[in-house]
Amino acid sequence: MNVRKYCRISATVFSVVATAHFFRILNGWPMGIGDLSVPIIVSWFGLIGPGILAVWGHREARWNNSARSAER
C-alpha cells in the first residue's frame, strides 16, 4: 500500500469517527460502557482529535499526490 492510499484511508476513518462524535454532541445521544455513563465532554475530545487527524491525513494525501506529479 502506498503512502497516498494509506493517508486517504486513515483520514476517512478519522472523519467518520469525528462525524459520529459531532452528531452525538448535536443530538445529545447517551453513551455508556457497561454501567458507566460517558459524559458529552468526551465527545468534544473525540471530535477535535480525530478531526485534526482527518484534516492532516487529507492534506498529506493531496501533498503526496502533487509531489509525485511534480517528480514526473
N, C-alpha and C. Protein backbone atom coordinates (compact mmCIF):
# COMPACT_ATOMS: atom_id res chain seq x y z
N MET A 1 0.86 -1.18 0.00
CA MET A 1 0.00 0.00 0.00
C MET A 1 0.90 1.24 0.00
N ASN A 2 0.61 2.17 -0.88
CA ASN A 2 1.44 3.37 -0.94
C ASN A 2 0.98 4.40 0.10
N VAL A 3 1.78 5.42 0.29
CA VAL A 3 1.54 6.42 1.33
C VAL A 3 0.25 7.20 1.06
N ARG A 4 0.01 7.52 -0.18
CA ARG A 4 -1.18 8.30 -0.50
C ARG A 4 -2.46 7.54 -0.14
N LYS A 5 -2.49 6.27 -0.49
CA LYS A 5 -3.67 5.44 -0.19
C LYS A 5 -3.84 5.28 1.32
N TYR A 6 -2.74 5.07 2.04
CA TYR A 6 -2.78 4.94 3.49
C TYR A 6 -3.33 6.22 4.14
N CYS A 7 -2.86 7.36 3.69
CA CYS A 7 -3.34 8.64 4.24
C CYS A 7 -4.82 8.84 3.94
N ARG A 8 -5.27 8.48 2.75
CA ARG A 8 -6.67 8.61 2.38
C ARG A 8 -7.57 7.74 3.26
N ILE A 9 -7.17 6.48 3.44
CA ILE A 9 -7.96 5.56 4.25
C ILE A 9 -8.00 6.00 5.71
N SER A 10 -6.84 6.38 6.25
CA SER A 10 -6.79 6.84 7.64
C SER A 10 -7.63 8.10 7.84
N ALA A 11 -7.53 9.03 6.92
CA ALA A 11 -8.31 10.27 7.02
C ALA A 11 -9.80 9.99 6.94
N THR A 12 -10.19 9.04 6.13
CA THR A 12 -11.62 8.69 6.02
C THR A 12 -12.12 8.08 7.33
N VAL A 13 -11.35 7.20 7.92
CA VAL A 13 -11.75 6.60 9.20
C VAL A 13 -11.86 7.67 10.28
N PHE A 14 -10.88 8.56 10.37
CA PHE A 14 -10.93 9.63 11.36
C PHE A 14 -12.09 10.58 11.09
N SER A 15 -12.43 10.80 9.83
CA SER A 15 -13.58 11.64 9.50
C SER A 15 -14.89 11.02 9.99
N VAL A 16 -15.02 9.72 9.83
CA VAL A 16 -16.22 9.02 10.29
C VAL A 16 -16.34 9.11 11.82
N VAL A 17 -15.23 8.91 12.52
CA VAL A 17 -15.24 8.99 13.98
C VAL A 17 -15.61 10.39 14.44
N ALA A 18 -14.99 11.41 13.83
CA ALA A 18 -15.29 12.80 14.20
C ALA A 18 -16.75 13.15 13.91
N THR A 19 -17.28 12.66 12.80
CA THR A 19 -18.68 12.93 12.44
C THR A 19 -19.63 12.26 13.44
N ALA A 20 -19.30 11.05 13.87
CA ALA A 20 -20.14 10.36 14.86
C ALA A 20 -20.16 11.14 16.17
N HIS A 21 -19.01 11.63 16.60
CA HIS A 21 -18.97 12.43 17.82
C HIS A 21 -19.72 13.75 17.65
N PHE A 22 -19.62 14.34 16.48
CA PHE A 22 -20.35 15.58 16.22
C PHE A 22 -21.85 15.37 16.36
N PHE A 23 -22.37 14.30 15.77
CA PHE A 23 -23.80 14.02 15.86
C PHE A 23 -24.22 13.65 17.28
N ARG A 24 -23.32 13.02 18.03
CA ARG A 24 -23.63 12.73 19.43
C ARG A 24 -23.77 14.03 20.22
N ILE A 25 -22.88 14.97 19.99
CA ILE A 25 -22.97 16.27 20.66
C ILE A 25 -24.23 17.00 20.24
N LEU A 26 -24.48 17.01 18.95
CA LEU A 26 -25.62 17.75 18.40
C LEU A 26 -26.96 17.20 18.91
N ASN A 27 -27.09 15.89 18.96
CA ASN A 27 -28.35 15.26 19.34
C ASN A 27 -28.43 14.87 20.81
N GLY A 28 -27.33 14.98 21.53
CA GLY A 28 -27.33 14.61 22.94
C GLY A 28 -27.52 13.12 23.18
N TRP A 29 -27.04 12.30 22.27
CA TRP A 29 -27.19 10.85 22.39
C TRP A 29 -26.43 10.34 23.62
N PRO A 30 -27.05 9.47 24.38
CA PRO A 30 -26.34 8.88 25.52
C PRO A 30 -25.35 7.81 25.05
N MET A 31 -24.29 7.65 25.83
CA MET A 31 -23.31 6.62 25.51
C MET A 31 -22.85 6.01 26.83
N GLY A 32 -22.68 4.74 26.84
CA GLY A 32 -22.24 4.08 28.05
C GLY A 32 -21.35 2.90 27.75
N ILE A 33 -20.49 2.60 28.70
CA ILE A 33 -19.62 1.43 28.60
C ILE A 33 -19.92 0.61 29.84
N GLY A 34 -20.64 -0.46 29.67
CA GLY A 34 -21.09 -1.26 30.81
C GLY A 34 -22.06 -0.43 31.64
N ASP A 35 -21.76 -0.27 32.91
CA ASP A 35 -22.61 0.53 33.80
C ASP A 35 -22.18 1.99 33.86
N LEU A 36 -21.08 2.32 33.19
CA LEU A 36 -20.53 3.67 33.23
C LEU A 36 -21.15 4.54 32.14
N SER A 37 -21.66 5.69 32.52
CA SER A 37 -22.20 6.64 31.55
C SER A 37 -21.10 7.61 31.13
N VAL A 38 -20.90 7.75 29.83
CA VAL A 38 -19.83 8.60 29.30
C VAL A 38 -20.38 10.01 29.08
N PRO A 39 -19.79 11.03 29.70
CA PRO A 39 -20.30 12.39 29.54
C PRO A 39 -20.04 12.96 28.13
N ILE A 40 -20.80 13.97 27.77
CA ILE A 40 -20.69 14.60 26.45
C ILE A 40 -19.30 15.23 26.23
N ILE A 41 -18.65 15.68 27.29
CA ILE A 41 -17.34 16.33 27.14
C ILE A 41 -16.33 15.39 26.46
N VAL A 42 -16.50 14.10 26.64
CA VAL A 42 -15.61 13.13 25.99
C VAL A 42 -15.76 13.22 24.47
N SER A 43 -16.97 13.49 24.01
CA SER A 43 -17.20 13.61 22.57
C SER A 43 -16.56 14.87 21.99
N TRP A 44 -16.39 15.89 22.81
CA TRP A 44 -15.67 17.08 22.31
C TRP A 44 -14.23 16.71 21.97
N PHE A 45 -13.60 15.92 22.84
CA PHE A 45 -12.25 15.44 22.55
C PHE A 45 -12.27 14.48 21.37
N GLY A 46 -13.33 13.68 21.28
CA GLY A 46 -13.48 12.75 20.16
C GLY A 46 -13.79 13.45 18.84
N LEU A 47 -14.23 14.69 18.91
CA LEU A 47 -14.46 15.48 17.71
C LEU A 47 -13.19 16.21 17.28
N ILE A 48 -12.53 16.83 18.24
CA ILE A 48 -11.35 17.66 17.93
C ILE A 48 -10.15 16.81 17.51
N GLY A 49 -9.83 15.78 18.29
CA GLY A 49 -8.65 14.95 17.98
C GLY A 49 -8.73 14.27 16.62
N PRO A 50 -9.73 13.44 16.40
CA PRO A 50 -9.84 12.81 15.08
C PRO A 50 -10.10 13.80 13.95
N GLY A 51 -10.75 14.92 14.25
CA GLY A 51 -10.96 15.94 13.22
C GLY A 51 -9.64 16.51 12.71
N ILE A 52 -8.75 16.79 13.64
CA ILE A 52 -7.42 17.30 13.26
C ILE A 52 -6.65 16.24 12.47
N LEU A 53 -6.72 15.00 12.93
CA LEU A 53 -6.03 13.92 12.22
C LEU A 53 -6.61 13.69 10.82
N ALA A 54 -7.93 13.86 10.68
CA ALA A 54 -8.56 13.70 9.36
C ALA A 54 -8.09 14.78 8.40
N VAL A 55 -8.07 16.02 8.87
CA VAL A 55 -7.59 17.11 8.01
C VAL A 55 -6.13 16.88 7.64
N TRP A 56 -5.34 16.49 8.59
CA TRP A 56 -3.93 16.22 8.34
C TRP A 56 -3.76 15.11 7.32
N GLY A 57 -4.52 14.03 7.45
CA GLY A 57 -4.42 12.91 6.51
C GLY A 57 -4.82 13.30 5.09
N HIS A 58 -5.89 14.08 4.97
CA HIS A 58 -6.32 14.52 3.63
C HIS A 58 -5.28 15.45 3.01
N ARG A 59 -4.68 16.31 3.82
CA ARG A 59 -3.65 17.22 3.29
C ARG A 59 -2.41 16.45 2.87
N GLU A 60 -2.02 15.46 3.68
CA GLU A 60 -0.85 14.64 3.33
C GLU A 60 -1.08 13.87 2.04
N ALA A 61 -2.28 13.32 1.89
CA ALA A 61 -2.59 12.56 0.67
C ALA A 61 -2.54 13.48 -0.55
N ARG A 62 -3.07 14.68 -0.40
CA ARG A 62 -3.05 15.63 -1.51
C ARG A 62 -1.63 16.09 -1.80
N TRP A 63 -0.84 16.37 -0.73
CA TRP A 63 0.54 16.82 -0.91
C TRP A 63 1.37 15.72 -1.55
N ASN A 64 1.17 14.49 -1.10
CA ASN A 64 1.91 13.37 -1.64
C ASN A 64 1.59 13.17 -3.12
N ASN A 65 0.33 13.39 -3.49
CA ASN A 65 -0.07 13.26 -4.89
C ASN A 65 0.56 14.36 -5.74
N SER A 66 0.56 15.60 -5.25
CA SER A 66 1.13 16.70 -6.03
C SER A 66 2.65 16.59 -6.10
N ALA A 67 3.27 16.07 -5.07
CA ALA A 67 4.73 15.91 -5.09
C ALA A 67 5.12 14.85 -6.11
N ARG A 68 4.32 13.79 -6.22
CA ARG A 68 4.61 12.76 -7.20
C ARG A 68 4.45 13.28 -8.62
N SER A 69 3.41 14.06 -8.86
CA SER A 69 3.20 14.57 -10.21
C SER A 69 4.28 15.57 -10.59
N ALA A 70 4.86 16.25 -9.60
CA ALA A 70 5.95 17.19 -9.88
C ALA A 70 7.23 16.44 -10.23
N GLU A 71 7.39 15.23 -9.70
CA GLU A 71 8.58 14.43 -10.00
C GLU A 71 8.57 13.87 -11.41
N ARG A 72 7.40 13.71 -11.98
CA ARG A 72 7.29 13.09 -13.31
C ARG A 72 7.70 14.00 -14.40
